[in-house]
Amino acid sequence: MNRTYDIVIAGGGVIGASCAYQLSRRGNLRIAVVDDKRPGNATR
């Protein structure tokens, strides 16, 4: 299955998540956030 996105953000930390959130508020964009760790594991 091919998936297409308008924007791909590398890194799901504070900056990546904030960018994804702000971009999602701008309209109908398909956004992917890619990170090598599972969510919530940054402080462990």
PDB file of N, CA and C in Angstrom:
ATOM      1  N   MET A   1       0.837  -1.163   0.000  1.00  0.00           N
ATOM      2  CA  MET A   1       0.000   0.000   0.000  1.00  0.00           C
ATOM      3  C   MET A   1       0.894   1.243   0.000  1.00  0.00           C
ATOM      4  N   ASN A   2       0.705   2.090  -0.973  1.00  0.00           N
ATOM      5  CA  ASN A   2       1.437   3.353  -1.033  1.00  0.00           C
ATOM      6  C   ASN A   2       0.683   4.426  -0.268  1.00  0.00           C
ATOM      7  N   ARG A   3       1.418   5.188   0.493  1.00  0.00           N
ATOM      8  CA  ARG A   3       0.829   6.312   1.217  1.00  0.00           C
ATOM      9  C   ARG A   3       1.542   7.574   0.773  1.00  0.00           C
ATOM     10  N   THR A   4       0.792   8.589   0.523  1.00  0.00           N
ATOM     11  CA  THR A   4       1.390   9.861   0.134  1.00  0.00           C
ATOM     12  C   THR A   4       1.048  10.915   1.174  1.00  0.00           C
ATOM     13  N   TYR A   5       2.015  11.773   1.424  1.00  0.00           N
ATOM     14  CA  TYR A   5       1.861  12.841   2.403  1.00  0.00           C
ATOM     15  C   TYR A   5       2.287  14.154   1.772  1.00  0.00           C
ATOM     16  N   ASP A   6       1.708  15.225   2.241  1.00  0.00           N
ATOM     17  CA  ASP A   6       2.132  16.553   1.813  1.00  0.00           C
ATOM     18  C   ASP A   6       3.400  16.972   2.551  1.00  0.00           C
ATOM     19  N   ILE A   7       3.500  16.575   3.813  1.00  0.00           N
ATOM     20  CA  ILE A   7       4.632  16.957   4.659  1.00  0.00           C
ATOM     21  C   ILE A   7       5.050  15.753   5.495  1.00  0.00           C
ATOM     22  N   VAL A   8       6.362  15.515   5.577  1.00  0.00           N
ATOM     23  CA  VAL A   8       6.910  14.484   6.459  1.00  0.00           C
ATOM     24  C   VAL A   8       7.851  15.185   7.432  1.00  0.00           C
ATOM     25  N   ILE A   9       7.622  14.979   8.715  1.00  0.00           N
ATOM     26  CA  ILE A   9       8.439  15.593   9.756  1.00  0.00           C
ATOM     27  C   ILE A   9       9.286  14.504  10.394  1.00  0.00           C
ATOM     28  N   ALA A  10      10.615  14.705  10.375  1.00  0.00           N
ATOM     29  CA  ALA A  10      11.539  13.745  10.978  1.00  0.00           C
ATOM     30  C   ALA A  10      11.772  14.148  12.426  1.00  0.00           C
ATOM     31  N   GLY A  11      11.314  13.321  13.353  1.00  0.00           N
ATOM     32  CA  GLY A  11      11.483  13.595  14.774  1.00  0.00           C
ATOM     33  C   GLY A  11      10.164  13.930  15.432  1.00  0.00           C
ATOM     34  N   GLY A  12       9.832  13.184  16.444  1.00  0.00           N
ATOM     35  CA  GLY A  12       8.562  13.378  17.131  1.00  0.00           C
ATOM     36  C   GLY A  12       8.707  13.998  18.503  1.00  0.00           C
ATOM     37  N   GLY A  13       9.798  14.736  18.706  1.00  0.00           N
ATOM     38  CA  GLY A  13       9.990  15.409  19.986  1.00  0.00           C
ATOM     39  C   GLY A  13       9.117  16.650  20.086  1.00  0.00           C
ATOM     40  N   VAL A  14       9.499  17.531  20.976  1.00  0.00           N
ATOM     41  CA  VAL A  14       8.708  18.730  21.223  1.00  0.00           C
ATOM     42  C   VAL A  14       8.585  19.574  19.957  1.00  0.00           C
ATOM     43  N   ILE A  15       9.673  19.786  19.260  1.00  0.00           N
ATOM     44  CA  ILE A  15       9.651  20.630  18.061  1.00  0.00           C
ATOM     45  C   ILE A  15       8.879  19.954  16.940  1.00  0.00           C
ATOM     46  N   GLY A  16       9.146  18.671  16.691  1.00  0.00           N
ATOM     47  CA  GLY A  16       8.436  17.957  15.628  1.00  0.00           C
ATOM     48  C   GLY A  16       6.944  17.881  15.873  1.00  0.00           C
ATOM     49  N   ALA A  17       6.557  17.595  17.107  1.00  0.00           N
ATOM     50  CA  ALA A  17       5.135  17.510  17.441  1.00  0.00           C
ATOM     51  C   ALA A  17       4.464  18.876  17.327  1.00  0.00           C
ATOM     52  N   SER A  18       5.173  19.915  17.751  1.00  0.00           N
ATOM     53  CA  SER A  18       4.629  21.265  17.653  1.00  0.00           C
ATOM     54  C   SER A  18       4.447  21.686  16.201  1.00  0.00           C
ATOM     55  N   CYS A  19       5.429  21.388  15.370  1.00  0.00           N
ATOM     56  CA  CYS A  19       5.313  21.697  13.937  1.00  0.00           C
ATOM     57  C   CYS A  19       4.140  20.950  13.321  1.00  0.00           C
ATOM     58  N   ALA A  20       4.002  19.679  13.639  1.00  0.00           N
ATOM     59  CA  ALA A  20       2.899  18.889  13.087  1.00  0.00           C
ATOM     60  C   ALA A  20       1.555  19.455  13.531  1.00  0.00           C
ATOM     61  N   TYR A  21       1.460  19.838  14.780  1.00  0.00           N
ATOM     62  CA  TYR A  21       0.207  20.401  15.290  1.00  0.00           C
ATOM     63  C   TYR A  21      -0.143  21.708  14.579  1.00  0.00           C
ATOM     64  N   GLN A  22       0.824  22.602  14.500  1.00  0.00           N
ATOM     65  CA  GLN A  22       0.562  23.898  13.866  1.00  0.00           C
ATOM     66  C   GLN A  22       0.226  23.738  12.386  1.00  0.00           C
ATOM     67  N   LEU A  23       0.915  22.857  11.692  1.00  0.00           N
ATOM     68  CA  LEU A  23       0.619  22.623  10.278  1.00  0.00           C
ATOM     69  C   LEU A  23      -0.756  21.994  10.100  1.00  0.00           C
ATOM     70  N   SER A  24      -1.163  21.145  11.032  1.00  0.00           N
ATOM     71  CA  SER A  24      -2.472  20.495  10.915  1.00  0.00           C
ATOM     72  C   SER A  24      -3.610  21.502  11.044  1.00  0.00           C
ATOM     73  N   ARG A  25      -3.355  22.606  11.714  1.00  0.00           N
ATOM     74  CA  ARG A  25      -4.380  23.635  11.882  1.00  0.00           C
ATOM     75  C   ARG A  25      -4.550  24.506  10.637  1.00  0.00           C
ATOM     76  N   ARG A  26      -3.624  24.408   9.684  1.00  0.00           N
ATOM     77  CA  ARG A  26      -3.656  25.266   8.500  1.00  0.00           C
ATOM     78  C   ARG A  26      -4.595  24.774   7.413  1.00  0.00           C
ATOM     79  N   GLY A  27      -5.033  23.560   7.491  1.00  0.00           N
ATOM     80  CA  GLY A  27      -5.941  23.096   6.450  1.00  0.00           C
ATOM     81  C   GLY A  27      -5.833  21.613   6.203  1.00  0.00           C
ATOM     82  N   ASN A  28      -6.158  21.233   5.012  1.00  0.00           N
ATOM     83  CA  ASN A  28      -6.260  19.829   4.642  1.00  0.00           C
ATOM     84  C   ASN A  28      -4.911  19.301   4.162  1.00  0.00           C
ATOM     85  N   LEU A  29      -3.970  19.123   5.091  1.00  0.00           N
ATOM     86  CA  LEU A  29      -2.658  18.583   4.761  1.00  0.00           C
ATOM     87  C   LEU A  29      -2.527  17.177   5.324  1.00  0.00           C
ATOM     88  N   ARG A  30      -1.888  16.313   4.565  1.00  0.00           N
ATOM     89  CA  ARG A  30      -1.581  14.968   5.058  1.00  0.00           C
ATOM     90  C   ARG A  30      -0.170  15.021   5.628  1.00  0.00           C
ATOM     91  N   ILE A  31      -0.060  14.831   6.952  1.00  0.00           N
ATOM     92  CA  ILE A  31       1.203  15.006   7.660  1.00  0.00           C
ATOM     93  C   ILE A  31       1.617  13.686   8.302  1.00  0.00           C
ATOM     94  N   ALA A  32       2.893  13.339   8.132  1.00  0.00           N
ATOM     95  CA  ALA A  32       3.448  12.153   8.789  1.00  0.00           C
ATOM     96  C   ALA A  32       4.577  12.597   9.708  1.00  0.00           C
ATOM     97  N   VAL A  33       4.587  12.071  10.930  1.00  0.00           N
ATOM     98  CA  VAL A  33       5.687  12.309  11.865  1.00  0.00           C
ATOM     99  C   VAL A  33       6.414  10.985  12.030  1.00  0.00           C
ATOM    100  N   VAL A  34       7.710  10.988  11.720  1.00  0.00           N
ATOM    101  CA  VAL A  34       8.512   9.769  11.754  1.00  0.00           C
ATOM    102  C   VAL A  34       9.552   9.905  12.856  1.00  0.00           C
ATOM    103  N   ASP A  35       9.634   8.895  13.712  1.00  0.00           N
ATOM    104  CA  ASP A  35      10.611   8.903  14.795  1.00  0.00           C
ATOM    105  C   ASP A  35      11.100   7.478  15.001  1.00  0.00           C
ATOM    106  N   ASP A  36      12.321   7.335  15.495  1.00  0.00           N
ATOM    107  CA  ASP A  36      12.856   5.988  15.692  1.00  0.00           C
ATOM    108  C   ASP A  36      12.469   5.376  17.038  1.00  0.00           C
ATOM    109  N   LYS A  37      11.854   6.154  17.893  1.00  0.00           N
ATOM    110  CA  LYS A  37      11.417   5.643  19.198  1.00  0.00           C
ATOM    111  C   LYS A  37       9.900   5.642  19.297  1.00  0.00           C
ATOM    112  N   ARG A  38       9.394   4.870  20.226  1.00  0.00           N
ATOM    113  CA  ARG A  38       7.950   4.854  20.480  1.00  0.00           C
ATOM    114  C   ARG A  38       7.549   6.122  21.210  1.00  0.00           C
ATOM    115  N   PRO A  39       6.312   6.572  21.044  1.00  0.00           N
ATOM    116  CA  PRO A  39       5.859   7.778  21.745  1.00  0.00           C
ATOM    117  C   PRO A  39       5.980   7.632  23.263  1.00  0.00           C
ATOM    118  N   GLY A  40       6.461   8.681  23.916  1.00  0.00           N
ATOM    119  CA  GLY A  40       6.568   8.688  25.367  1.00  0.00           C
ATOM    120  C   GLY A  40       7.863   8.133  25.918  1.00  0.00           C
ATOM    121  N   ASN A  41       8.797   7.715  25.079  1.00  0.00           N
ATOM    122  CA  ASN A  41      10.044   7.128  25.562  1.00  0.00           C
ATOM    123  C   ASN A  41      11.217   8.093  25.547  1.00  0.00           C
ATOM    124  N   ALA A  42      10.996   9.358  25.297  1.00  0.00           N
ATOM    125  CA  ALA A  42      12.097  10.305  25.184  1.00  0.00           C
ATOM    126  C   ALA A  42      12.788  10.560  26.522  1.00  0.00           C
ATOM    127  N   THR A  43      12.077  10.436  27.622  1.00  0.00           N
ATOM    128  CA  THR A  43      12.672  10.743  28.923  1.00  0.00           C
ATOM    129  C   THR A  43      13.121   9.503  29.675  1.00  0.00           C
ATOM    130  N   ARG A  44      13.078   8.366  29.053  1.00  0.00           N
ATOM    131  CA  ARG A  44      13.468   7.126  29.741  1.00  0.00           C
ATOM    132  C   ARG A  44      14.782   6.617  29.246  1.00  0.00           C
TER     133      ARG A  44
END
